[in-house]
Amino acid sequence: MSTTPHTDREYEQQLTSLREQILLMGARVEGMITSSIRALTDRNSGLAKDVIDGDRRVDRLEIEVDHLCLTILARRQPVASDLRFLTTALKIVTDLERIADLGVNICERTIELNAEPQLKPYIDLPKMADVVQSMIRETLDAFVAHDADRAHAVLEKDHIVDAYYGQVFRELLTYMMADPKTINRAIKIQAIAKYLERMGDHATNLAEMVVFMLRGKDIRHLGSLTTIDGLPHGVLFLCTHNAARSQMAEAWAKKLFPVGVRIWSAGSQPGDQVDPNAVSVMRELGIDMSGARPKGVSEIPIGDVDTIVTLCAEESCPFVPGELSRESWGLPDPAAASGSEEEVVQTFRRVRDDIRQKIDAFMQGWMKV
């Protein structure tokens, strides 16, 4: 949508009204997510029923937006940015309505769970919901501000939702294996996690559509505005503890690689936390790793990986079987460095800079393919 007002005031008012309706719908959908998770954590079936009843308001908004879009298309025959805005609006409300439906599904499972003793504290599910809500909110903010870069950044958050889902699934599997009596409740909790994961997918769709609206570039299924021949689909960086080298490589790659490349890191013996020195030296260059955590290979969707990069020189570096492209960089573990505090930090800086150089060379290799 053009940021310059149209000389036809009625037309401009129609476009403004359409934008406001979409934002109202988005706000109500966010509210449904908040309430559905609160109903779950507080075991409040009454609130869950209120959310289910409130879905009708979202359905009405979808119909109203569809009608207004079709009216403008028929009467105004818009072109260029206005046409993209209208076609995007039609798709945005569809995804928002489906997110609302998933919120209803959460409430239905919540009511069923509340009829039984609670299986476990709900820790990761509220965190998943927070990430999904932030994805929706930031996409709608980008929509209002005409900020394609902000919408594009939302795409990176989907892997966080996926990681939470994997964590919840593995934990529930442990419960079911330990006590078959928990299976019924565990399956319902797993379903809620899956609903949240699907919400993340829909939020990703929203962000991709906002990028299309603003830049006229369709990035669906690519996740990137850039196409490079020979581009990997997914790259996994491996080291022993996933606490320094592979974490810095993941952070560098997410900054430097085209967004369409999915990036992970993992370790054969994951540590308890990312090394503070690794966080510190990356922060010196404006890269925030404060939210990172060590991960095992089992937490990575290996089916999405086609390129493995091992960074450790020691023999315990993990091996992932399969027909995959492989690189071995053999960098020393900076966490094993000795000497004064400043000398250790300098070792981390050297490894950090070596990783940057190797990633640059890696990307140059793609460009020549």
Protein backbone atom coordinates (compact mmCIF):
# COMPACT_ATOMS: atom_id res chain seq x y z
CA MET A 1 0.00 0.00 0.00
CA SER A 2 1.35 3.40 -0.92
CA THR A 3 2.33 5.66 1.98
CA THR A 4 1.18 8.69 -0.05
CA PRO A 5 -2.53 9.45 0.51
CA HIS A 6 -4.76 9.20 -2.53
CA THR A 7 -6.45 12.31 -3.86
CA ASP A 8 -9.73 10.38 -3.85
CA ARG A 9 -10.70 10.71 -0.18
CA GLU A 10 -13.31 7.96 -0.28
CA TYR A 11 -10.79 5.51 -1.73
CA GLU A 12 -8.19 6.51 0.87
CA GLN A 13 -10.76 6.05 3.64
CA GLN A 14 -11.59 2.57 2.37
CA LEU A 15 -7.94 1.57 2.43
CA THR A 16 -7.49 3.04 5.92
CA SER A 17 -10.57 1.23 7.18
CA LEU A 18 -9.27 -2.01 5.73
CA ARG A 19 -5.92 -1.61 7.48
CA GLU A 20 -7.67 -0.86 10.78
CA GLN A 21 -9.89 -3.93 10.45
CA ILE A 22 -6.84 -6.14 9.91
CA LEU A 23 -5.11 -4.67 12.97
CA LEU A 24 -8.25 -5.16 15.06
CA MET A 25 -8.46 -8.76 13.93
CA GLY A 26 -4.79 -9.29 14.75
CA ALA A 27 -5.25 -7.82 18.23
CA ARG A 28 -8.19 -10.12 18.92
CA VAL A 29 -6.25 -13.14 17.73
CA GLU A 30 -3.35 -12.21 20.02
CA GLY A 31 -5.83 -11.89 22.87
CA MET A 32 -7.22 -15.35 22.12
CA ILE A 33 -3.72 -16.84 22.35
CA THR A 34 -3.11 -15.13 25.69
CA SER A 35 -6.43 -16.25 27.11
CA SER A 36 -6.18 -19.81 25.83
CA ILE A 37 -2.78 -20.31 27.48
CA ARG A 38 -3.97 -18.65 30.69
CA ALA A 39 -6.97 -20.99 30.71
CA LEU A 40 -4.53 -23.89 30.44
CA THR A 41 -2.04 -22.79 33.09
CA ASP A 42 -4.76 -21.60 35.53
CA ARG A 43 -7.00 -24.62 34.79
CA ASN A 44 -9.82 -22.18 34.08
CA SER A 45 -12.43 -23.93 31.94
CA GLY A 46 -14.75 -20.93 32.10
CA LEU A 47 -12.13 -18.75 30.41
CA ALA A 48 -11.56 -21.47 27.81
CA LYS A 49 -15.28 -21.45 26.98
CA ASP A 50 -15.20 -17.64 26.66
CA VAL A 51 -12.37 -17.92 24.13
CA ILE A 52 -14.31 -20.51 22.14
CA ASP A 53 -17.37 -18.23 22.09
CA GLY A 54 -15.23 -15.23 21.10
CA ASP A 55 -14.05 -16.94 17.92
CA ARG A 56 -17.26 -15.79 16.23
CA ARG A 57 -16.04 -12.17 16.41
CA VAL A 58 -12.87 -13.10 14.52
CA ASP A 59 -14.93 -14.97 11.92
CA ARG A 60 -17.10 -11.87 11.39
CA LEU A 61 -14.04 -9.68 10.94
CA GLU A 62 -12.67 -12.06 8.31
CA ILE A 63 -15.93 -11.83 6.37
CA GLU A 64 -15.99 -8.03 6.67
CA VAL A 65 -12.40 -7.69 5.44
CA ASP A 66 -13.05 -10.07 2.54
CA HIS A 67 -16.12 -8.08 1.54
CA LEU A 68 -14.30 -4.74 1.72
CA CYS A 69 -11.35 -6.09 -0.30
CA LEU A 70 -13.61 -7.45 -3.03
CA THR A 71 -15.60 -4.21 -3.12
CA ILE A 72 -12.45 -2.14 -3.61
CA LEU A 73 -11.11 -4.53 -6.24
CA ALA A 74 -14.36 -4.41 -8.18
CA ARG A 75 -14.93 -0.66 -8.00
CA ARG A 76 -11.40 0.76 -8.00
CA GLN A 77 -9.44 -1.76 -10.10
CA PRO A 78 -6.22 -0.94 -8.20
CA VAL A 79 -2.74 -1.59 -9.55
CA ALA A 80 0.83 -1.86 -8.23
CA SER A 81 1.22 -1.41 -4.46
CA ASP A 82 -2.50 -1.03 -3.79
CA LEU A 83 -3.22 -4.28 -5.60
CA ARG A 84 -0.55 -6.05 -3.58
CA PHE A 85 -2.00 -4.58 -0.40
CA LEU A 86 -5.48 -5.88 -1.19
CA THR A 87 -4.40 -9.35 -2.25
CA THR A 88 -2.15 -9.56 0.81
CA ALA A 89 -5.02 -8.47 3.06
CA LEU A 90 -7.18 -11.31 1.73
CA LYS A 91 -4.48 -13.80 2.65
CA ILE A 92 -3.55 -12.23 5.98
CA VAL A 93 -7.06 -12.52 7.37
CA THR A 94 -7.20 -16.17 6.32
CA ASP A 95 -4.08 -16.97 8.34
CA LEU A 96 -5.29 -14.89 11.29
CA GLU A 97 -8.62 -16.75 11.27
CA ARG A 98 -6.80 -20.09 11.24
CA ILE A 99 -4.64 -19.00 14.18
CA ALA A 100 -7.86 -18.15 16.03
CA ASP A 101 -9.24 -21.61 15.22
CA LEU A 102 -6.09 -23.15 16.69
CA GLY A 103 -6.67 -21.08 19.83
CA VAL A 104 -10.14 -22.65 20.02
CA ASN A 105 -8.55 -26.08 19.66
CA ILE A 106 -6.23 -25.30 22.58
CA CYS A 107 -9.24 -24.39 24.70
CA GLU A 108 -11.06 -27.58 23.78
CA ARG A 109 -8.08 -29.67 24.88
CA THR A 110 -7.76 -27.49 27.99
CA ILE A 111 -11.32 -28.23 29.07
CA GLU A 112 -10.62 -31.95 28.66
CA LEU A 113 -7.36 -31.71 30.62
CA ASN A 114 -9.00 -29.76 33.42
CA ALA A 115 -11.28 -32.72 34.06
CA GLU A 116 -8.25 -34.79 35.10
CA PRO A 117 -5.33 -34.30 37.53
CA GLN A 118 -2.59 -32.11 36.07
CA LEU A 119 0.17 -34.20 34.52
CA LYS A 120 3.00 -31.67 34.82
CA PRO A 121 3.67 -27.95 35.25
CA TYR A 122 3.25 -26.06 31.98
CA ILE A 123 6.60 -24.36 31.39
CA ASP A 124 7.48 -24.52 27.70
CA LEU A 125 3.95 -24.08 26.35
CA PRO A 126 3.59 -20.49 27.66
CA LYS A 127 7.05 -19.74 26.26
CA MET A 128 6.00 -21.09 22.87
CA ALA A 129 2.88 -18.92 23.00
CA ASP A 130 4.96 -15.84 23.84
CA VAL A 131 7.16 -16.39 20.77
CA VAL A 132 4.12 -16.92 18.52
CA GLN A 133 2.48 -13.77 19.85
CA SER A 134 5.65 -11.77 19.29
CA MET A 135 5.80 -13.06 15.71
CA ILE A 136 2.22 -11.90 15.05
CA ARG A 137 2.70 -8.59 16.81
CA GLU A 138 5.98 -7.75 15.06
CA THR A 139 4.54 -8.69 11.68
CA LEU A 140 1.54 -6.42 12.19
CA ASP A 141 3.85 -3.64 13.43
CA ALA A 142 5.90 -4.09 10.25
CA PHE A 143 2.66 -4.00 8.27
CA VAL A 144 1.73 -0.63 9.80
CA ALA A 145 5.24 0.83 9.61
CA HIS A 146 5.87 -0.44 6.06
CA ASP A 147 9.05 -2.08 7.36
CA ALA A 148 9.97 -5.09 5.21
CA ASP A 149 13.18 -5.77 7.15
CA ARG A 150 11.22 -6.06 10.37
CA ALA A 151 8.80 -8.51 8.76
CA HIS A 152 11.70 -10.47 7.33
CA ALA A 153 13.28 -10.78 10.80
CA VAL A 154 10.16 -12.58 12.04
CA LEU A 155 11.01 -15.56 9.83
CA GLU A 156 13.97 -16.38 12.06
CA LYS A 157 11.71 -16.92 15.08
CA ASP A 158 9.89 -19.93 13.65
CA HIS A 159 12.81 -22.21 14.49
CA ILE A 160 12.47 -21.18 18.15
CA VAL A 161 8.87 -22.38 18.16
CA ASP A 162 9.96 -25.61 16.47
CA ALA A 163 12.66 -26.15 19.11
CA TYR A 164 10.16 -25.70 21.94
CA TYR A 165 7.83 -28.19 20.26
CA GLY A 166 10.62 -30.75 20.06
CA GLN A 167 11.41 -30.22 23.74
CA VAL A 168 7.78 -30.68 24.79
CA PHE A 169 7.39 -33.79 22.64
CA ARG A 170 10.49 -35.45 24.09
CA GLU A 171 9.45 -34.68 27.66
CA LEU A 172 5.95 -36.06 27.13
CA LEU A 173 7.37 -39.17 25.52
CA THR A 174 9.34 -39.77 28.70
CA TYR A 175 6.16 -39.55 30.77
CA MET A 176 4.30 -41.96 28.51
CA MET A 177 7.11 -44.50 28.53
CA ALA A 178 7.40 -44.34 32.33
CA ASP A 179 3.66 -44.68 33.03
CA PRO A 180 1.07 -45.72 30.41
CA LYS A 181 -1.65 -44.11 32.56
CA THR A 182 -0.32 -40.70 31.50
CA ILE A 183 -0.73 -41.35 27.77
CA ASN A 184 -4.18 -39.80 27.39
CA ARG A 185 -3.19 -36.54 29.10
CA ALA A 186 0.21 -36.44 27.41
CA ILE A 187 -1.37 -36.76 23.96
CA LYS A 188 -3.68 -33.81 24.69
CA ILE A 189 -0.74 -31.68 25.88
CA GLN A 190 1.23 -32.71 22.80
CA ALA A 191 -1.73 -31.63 20.66
CA ILE A 192 -1.65 -28.18 22.29
CA ALA A 193 2.06 -27.91 21.53
CA LYS A 194 1.32 -28.87 17.92
CA TYR A 195 -1.39 -26.20 17.69
CA LEU A 196 1.15 -23.61 18.86
CA GLU A 197 3.70 -24.90 16.34
CA ARG A 198 1.10 -24.51 13.58
CA MET A 199 0.39 -20.98 14.79
CA GLY A 200 4.08 -20.25 14.29
CA ASP A 201 3.81 -21.51 10.71
CA HIS A 202 0.84 -19.23 10.07
CA ALA A 203 2.71 -16.29 11.64
CA THR A 204 5.57 -17.04 9.24
CA ASN A 205 3.08 -16.90 6.38
CA LEU A 206 1.96 -13.48 7.61
CA ALA A 207 5.53 -12.16 7.63
CA GLU A 208 6.21 -13.51 4.14
CA MET A 209 3.07 -11.81 2.83
CA VAL A 210 4.02 -8.47 4.38
CA VAL A 211 7.42 -8.69 2.66
CA PHE A 212 5.63 -9.38 -0.62
CA MET A 213 3.28 -6.45 -0.09
CA LEU A 214 6.13 -4.01 0.56
CA ARG A 215 8.79 -5.28 -1.84
CA GLY A 216 6.85 -7.15 -4.48
CA LYS A 217 9.05 -10.21 -3.86
CA ASP A 218 7.49 -13.61 -3.20
CA ILE A 219 9.68 -15.38 -0.61
CA ARG A 220 7.33 -18.23 0.24
CA HIS A 221 9.11 -21.59 0.47
CA LEU A 222 12.42 -19.78 0.01
CA GLY A 223 12.61 -17.66 3.15
CA SER A 224 14.97 -15.34 1.32
CA LEU A 225 14.97 -12.44 -1.06
CA THR A 226 18.18 -13.76 -2.55
CA THR A 227 18.57 -16.79 -4.81
CA ILE A 228 22.02 -18.35 -5.13
CA ASP A 229 22.76 -21.39 -7.23
CA GLY A 230 23.96 -24.27 -5.07
CA LEU A 231 22.51 -22.74 -1.91
CA PRO A 232 22.25 -25.29 0.95
CA HIS A 233 18.85 -25.90 2.47
CA GLY A 234 20.03 -26.35 6.05
CA VAL A 235 23.46 -26.12 7.72
CA LEU A 236 24.32 -27.74 11.05
CA PHE A 237 27.44 -26.64 12.97
CA LEU A 238 28.80 -29.29 15.33
CA CYS A 239 31.30 -29.35 18.18
CA THR A 240 31.61 -31.26 21.44
CA HIS A 241 29.74 -29.11 23.99
CA ASN A 242 27.86 -26.67 21.73
CA ALA A 243 28.97 -23.98 24.16
CA ALA A 244 31.46 -21.89 22.17
CA ARG A 245 32.67 -22.71 18.63
CA SER A 246 29.48 -24.04 17.09
CA GLN A 247 27.39 -21.40 18.87
CA MET A 248 29.57 -18.61 17.47
CA ALA A 249 29.39 -20.24 14.03
CA GLU A 250 25.59 -20.41 14.25
CA ALA A 251 25.42 -16.75 15.26
CA TRP A 252 27.78 -15.67 12.47
CA ALA A 253 25.88 -17.75 9.91
CA LYS A 254 22.53 -16.29 10.90
CA LYS A 255 23.98 -12.83 10.40
CA LEU A 256 25.82 -13.51 7.13
CA PHE A 257 23.99 -16.29 5.27
CA PRO A 258 20.91 -15.58 3.16
CA VAL A 259 17.84 -15.93 5.36
CA GLY A 260 16.59 -18.82 3.21
CA VAL A 261 19.31 -21.07 4.65
CA ARG A 262 18.21 -22.68 7.91
CA ILE A 263 20.96 -22.71 10.54
CA TRP A 264 21.48 -24.86 13.63
CA SER A 265 24.26 -25.84 16.00
CA ALA A 266 24.57 -28.84 18.33
CA GLY A 267 27.04 -30.90 20.34
CA SER A 268 27.78 -34.53 21.16
CA GLN A 269 27.97 -33.68 24.88
CA PRO A 270 25.97 -30.44 25.30
CA GLY A 271 27.15 -28.23 28.16
CA ASP A 272 24.99 -26.54 30.76
CA GLN A 273 25.26 -23.09 29.20
CA VAL A 274 26.89 -21.16 26.41
CA ASP A 275 30.34 -19.99 27.50
CA PRO A 276 30.07 -16.38 28.78
CA ASN A 277 33.30 -15.49 26.95
CA ALA A 278 31.74 -16.58 23.65
CA VAL A 279 28.71 -14.41 24.38
CA SER A 280 30.97 -11.50 25.32
CA VAL A 281 33.26 -11.54 22.28
CA MET A 282 30.33 -11.86 19.88
CA ARG A 283 28.60 -8.96 21.60
CA GLU A 284 31.70 -6.86 20.86
CA LEU A 285 30.72 -7.12 17.19
CA GLY A 286 27.03 -6.44 17.76
CA ILE A 287 25.83 -10.05 17.75
CA ASP A 288 23.63 -11.06 20.69
CA MET A 289 23.99 -14.70 21.83
CA SER A 290 22.54 -14.15 25.31
CA GLY A 291 19.45 -16.25 24.58
CA ALA A 292 21.33 -19.23 23.11
CA ARG A 293 21.49 -22.60 24.84
CA PRO A 294 23.52 -25.77 24.16
CA LYS A 295 21.64 -28.45 22.21
CA GLY A 296 22.15 -32.11 21.39
CA VAL A 297 21.98 -33.50 17.86
CA SER A 298 18.68 -35.21 18.76
CA GLU A 299 17.06 -31.77 19.08
CA ILE A 300 17.81 -30.85 15.46
CA PRO A 301 15.45 -31.70 12.57
CA ILE A 302 18.11 -33.71 10.74
CA GLY A 303 15.81 -34.25 7.78
CA ASP A 304 16.10 -30.53 7.00
CA VAL A 305 19.93 -30.57 7.10
CA ASP A 306 21.96 -31.09 3.94
CA THR A 307 25.30 -29.62 5.09
CA ILE A 308 27.32 -30.54 8.18
CA VAL A 309 30.22 -28.40 9.45
CA THR A 310 32.31 -29.81 12.29
CA LEU A 311 34.43 -27.29 14.15
CA CYS A 312 36.30 -29.32 16.76
CA ALA A 313 39.83 -30.59 16.44
CA GLU A 314 39.34 -33.19 19.18
CA GLU A 315 38.23 -36.75 18.43
CA SER A 316 34.88 -36.52 20.25
CA CYS A 317 33.31 -34.27 17.64
CA PRO A 318 29.89 -35.77 16.79
CA PHE A 319 29.20 -37.62 13.56
CA VAL A 320 25.82 -37.51 11.85
CA PRO A 321 25.29 -40.35 9.35
CA GLY A 322 23.70 -39.87 5.95
CA GLU A 323 24.37 -38.57 2.45
CA LEU A 324 25.26 -35.04 3.50
CA SER A 325 27.72 -32.42 2.33
CA ARG A 326 30.46 -32.16 4.96
CA GLU A 327 33.07 -29.61 6.01
CA SER A 328 35.66 -29.95 8.79
CA TRP A 329 37.22 -26.76 10.12
CA GLY A 330 39.17 -28.26 13.07
CA LEU A 331 39.31 -25.23 15.37
CA PRO A 332 40.70 -25.46 18.92
CA ASP A 333 38.23 -25.25 21.80
CA PRO A 334 38.69 -21.74 23.27
CA ALA A 335 37.03 -22.90 26.51
CA ALA A 336 40.09 -25.12 27.09
CA ALA A 337 42.50 -22.18 26.85
CA SER A 338 44.73 -21.43 29.83
CA GLY A 339 46.44 -18.28 31.00
CA SER A 340 45.21 -14.98 32.34
CA GLU A 341 41.63 -13.83 31.89
CA GLU A 342 42.72 -11.48 29.10
CA GLU A 343 44.68 -14.26 27.35
CA VAL A 344 41.63 -16.54 27.43
CA VAL A 345 39.44 -13.77 26.00
CA GLN A 346 41.99 -13.20 23.23
CA THR A 347 41.78 -16.91 22.37
CA PHE A 348 38.01 -16.60 22.07
CA ARG A 349 38.46 -13.57 19.80
CA ARG A 350 40.88 -15.46 17.54
CA VAL A 351 38.49 -18.40 17.19
CA ARG A 352 35.61 -15.98 16.61
CA ASP A 353 37.50 -14.25 13.81
CA ASP A 354 38.65 -17.57 12.31
CA ILE A 355 35.04 -18.72 12.15
CA ARG A 356 34.05 -15.48 10.40
CA GLN A 357 36.77 -15.99 7.77
CA LYS A 358 35.78 -19.60 7.18
CA ILE A 359 32.11 -18.65 6.80
CA ASP A 360 33.08 -15.94 4.29
CA ALA A 361 35.08 -18.52 2.32
CA PHE A 362 32.20 -20.99 2.60
CA MET A 363 29.81 -18.44 1.09
CA GLN A 364 32.26 -17.65 -1.69
CA GLY A 365 32.27 -21.33 -2.53
CA TRP A 366 28.49 -21.25 -3.00
CA MET A 367 28.75 -18.23 -5.25
CA LYS A 368 31.12 -20.14 -7.59
CA VAL A 369 28.89 -23.21 -7.84
